[in-house]
C-alpha atoms as a PDB file:
ATOM      1  CA  MET A   1      49.172 -38.959 -21.656  1.00  0.00           C
ATOM      2  CA  VAL A   2      47.442 -37.550 -18.564  1.00  0.00           C
ATOM      3  CA  ASP A   3      50.429 -35.425 -17.523  1.00  0.00           C
ATOM      4  CA  ASN A   4      50.158 -33.286 -20.652  1.00  0.00           C
ATOM      5  CA  THR A   5      46.507 -32.512 -20.045  1.00  0.00           C
ATOM      6  CA  MET A   6      45.757 -28.811 -20.066  1.00  0.00           C
ATOM      7  CA  LEU A   7      44.502 -27.685 -16.670  1.00  0.00           C
ATOM      8  CA  MET A   8      41.472 -25.939 -18.201  1.00  0.00           C
ATOM      9  CA  ASP A   9      40.362 -29.236 -19.762  1.00  0.00           C
ATOM     10  CA  LEU A  10      40.809 -30.957 -16.424  1.00  0.00           C
ATOM     11  CA  ILE A  11      38.771 -28.281 -14.627  1.00  0.00           C
ATOM     12  CA  ASP A  12      35.974 -28.676 -17.183  1.00  0.00           C
ATOM     13  CA  ALA A  13      35.983 -32.453 -16.620  1.00  0.00           C
ATOM     14  CA  TYR A  14      35.904 -31.901 -12.842  1.00  0.00           C
ATOM     15  CA  LEU A  15      32.924 -29.553 -13.134  1.00  0.00           C
ATOM     16  CA  THR A  16      31.096 -32.125 -15.270  1.00  0.00           C
ATOM     17  CA  GLU A  17      31.790 -34.697 -12.551  1.00  0.00           C
ATOM     18  CA  CYS A  18      30.285 -32.288 -10.008  1.00  0.00           C
ATOM     19  CA  GLU A  19      27.118 -32.098 -12.122  1.00  0.00           C
ATOM     20  CA  ILE A  20      26.963 -35.888 -12.399  1.00  0.00           C
ATOM     21  CA  ARG A  21      27.264 -36.121  -8.599  1.00  0.00           C
ATOM     22  CA  LYS A  22      24.249 -33.766  -8.399  1.00  0.00           C
ATOM     23  CA  LEU A  23      25.972 -31.002  -6.474  1.00  0.00           C
ATOM     24  CA  ALA A  24      23.921 -27.842  -6.111  1.00  0.00           C
ATOM     25  CA  PRO A  25      24.252 -25.414  -9.036  1.00  0.00           C
ATOM     26  CA  LYS A  26      25.460 -22.720  -6.632  1.00  0.00           C
ATOM     27  CA  THR A  27      28.212 -25.057  -5.371  1.00  0.00           C
ATOM     28  CA  ILE A  28      29.304 -25.906  -8.907  1.00  0.00           C
ATOM     29  CA  GLU A  29      29.375 -22.225  -9.868  1.00  0.00           C
ATOM     30  CA  GLY A  30      31.452 -21.415  -6.765  1.00  0.00           C
ATOM     31  CA  ASN A  31      33.890 -24.228  -7.539  1.00  0.00           C
ATOM     32  CA  LYS A  32      34.159 -23.000 -11.124  1.00  0.00           C
ATOM     33  CA  LYS A  33      34.891 -19.447  -9.995  1.00  0.00           C
ATOM     34  CA  LEU A  34      37.572 -20.524  -7.497  1.00  0.00           C
ATOM     35  CA  LEU A  35      39.312 -22.930  -9.867  1.00  0.00           C
ATOM     36  CA  ARG A  36      39.339 -20.544 -12.819  1.00  0.00           C
ATOM     37  CA  ALA A  37      40.734 -17.744 -10.637  1.00  0.00           C
ATOM     38  CA  MET A  38      43.467 -20.097  -9.467  1.00  0.00           C
ATOM     39  CA  LEU A  39      44.173 -21.223 -13.041  1.00  0.00           C
ATOM     40  CA  LEU A  40      44.461 -17.626 -14.225  1.00  0.00           C
ATOM     41  CA  TRP A  41      46.883 -16.828 -11.397  1.00  0.00           C
ATOM     42  CA  LEU A  42      48.937 -19.958 -12.099  1.00  0.00           C
ATOM     43  CA  SER A  43      49.136 -19.096 -15.775  1.00  0.00           C
ATOM     44  CA  ASP A  44      50.070 -15.450 -15.211  1.00  0.00           C
ATOM     45  CA  ASN A  45      52.430 -15.822 -12.250  1.00  0.00           C
ATOM     46  CA  GLU A  46      53.824 -19.343 -12.392  1.00  0.00           C
ATOM     47  CA  GLN A  47      53.559 -20.127 -16.123  1.00  0.00           C
ATOM     48  CA  VAL A  48      51.668 -23.329 -15.281  1.00  0.00           C
ATOM     49  CA  GLU A  49      49.099 -24.502 -17.819  1.00  0.00           C
ATOM     50  CA  ARG A  50      49.626 -28.260 -17.870  1.00  0.00           C
ATOM     51  CA  LEU A  51      49.047 -30.829 -15.187  1.00  0.00           C
ATOM     52  CA  SER A  52      52.630 -32.051 -15.538  1.00  0.00           C
ATOM     53  CA  ASP A  53      53.897 -28.599 -14.498  1.00  0.00           C
ATOM     54  CA  LEU A  54      51.758 -28.349 -11.365  1.00  0.00           C
ATOM     55  CA  THR A  55      53.311 -29.034  -7.951  1.00  0.00           C
ATOM     56  CA  PRO A  56      52.017 -28.723  -4.369  1.00  0.00           C
ATOM     57  CA  MET A  57      54.223 -25.629  -3.997  1.00  0.00           C
ATOM     58  CA  HIS A  58      52.118 -23.859  -6.638  1.00  0.00           C
ATOM     59  CA  PHE A  59      49.010 -24.402  -4.505  1.00  0.00           C
ATOM     60  CA  LYS A  60      50.835 -23.072  -1.456  1.00  0.00           C
ATOM     61  CA  ARG A  61      52.037 -19.967  -3.281  1.00  0.00           C
ATOM     62  CA  TYR A  62      48.525 -19.308  -4.520  1.00  0.00           C
ATOM     63  CA  LEU A  63      47.148 -19.532  -0.983  1.00  0.00           C
ATOM     64  CA  LEU A  64      49.858 -17.176   0.278  1.00  0.00           C
ATOM     65  CA  HIS A  65      48.997 -14.758  -2.515  1.00  0.00           C
ATOM     66  CA  LYS A  66      45.311 -14.816  -1.530  1.00  0.00           C
ATOM     67  CA  GLU A  67      46.195 -14.330   2.138  1.00  0.00           C
ATOM     68  CA  LYS A  68      48.423 -11.338   1.321  1.00  0.00           C
ATOM     69  CA  ASP A  69      45.589  -9.942  -0.811  1.00  0.00           C
ATOM     70  CA  GLY A  70      43.472  -9.855   2.337  1.00  0.00           C
ATOM     71  CA  ALA A  71      41.246 -12.884   1.749  1.00  0.00           C
ATOM     72  CA  SER A  72      39.279 -13.927   4.811  1.00  0.00           C
ATOM     73  CA  PRO A  73      40.094 -17.191   6.611  1.00  0.00           C
ATOM     74  CA  GLN A  74      36.713 -18.555   5.460  1.00  0.00           C
ATOM     75  CA  TYR A  75      37.556 -17.805   1.826  1.00  0.00           C
ATOM     76  CA  ILE A  76      40.969 -19.472   2.214  1.00  0.00           C
ATOM     77  CA  ASN A  77      39.221 -22.534   3.661  1.00  0.00           C
ATOM     78  CA  ASP A  78      36.810 -22.557   0.709  1.00  0.00           C
ATOM     79  CA  ILE A  79      39.763 -22.505  -1.681  1.00  0.00           C
ATOM     80  CA  LEU A  80      41.420 -25.343   0.249  1.00  0.00           C
ATOM     81  CA  ARG A  81      38.236 -27.422   0.131  1.00  0.00           C
ATOM     82  CA  VAL A  82      37.897 -27.022  -3.631  1.00  0.00           C
ATOM     83  CA  MET A  83      41.621 -27.642  -4.207  1.00  0.00           C
ATOM     84  CA  ARG A  84      41.412 -30.829  -2.142  1.00  0.00           C
ATOM     85  CA  THR A  85      38.433 -32.261  -4.049  1.00  0.00           C
ATOM     86  CA  PHE A  86      39.906 -31.194  -7.391  1.00  0.00           C
ATOM     87  CA  SER A  87      43.253 -32.817  -6.534  1.00  0.00           C
ATOM     88  CA  ARG A  88      41.533 -36.080  -5.631  1.00  0.00           C
ATOM     89  CA  PHE A  89      39.611 -35.994  -8.891  1.00  0.00           C
END
């Protein structure tokens, strides 16, 4: 069942899709870094490791956390871009 998929497995599948779509290696590496940082935060702070546990509120709390940490608006926009494409995947 898709809902029980571990988020790390889903991220790996997404990154493979990025390679298939011939995205630049630097773009793929950036996406990987952003998604894994988000996954680590979700696991540590929200106890989310499965797709079925993930809600839009988790994304919002992660963005608020990054903003409070002093992330630049450009970095927040980069996170949003990657989250959007990952969510559509």
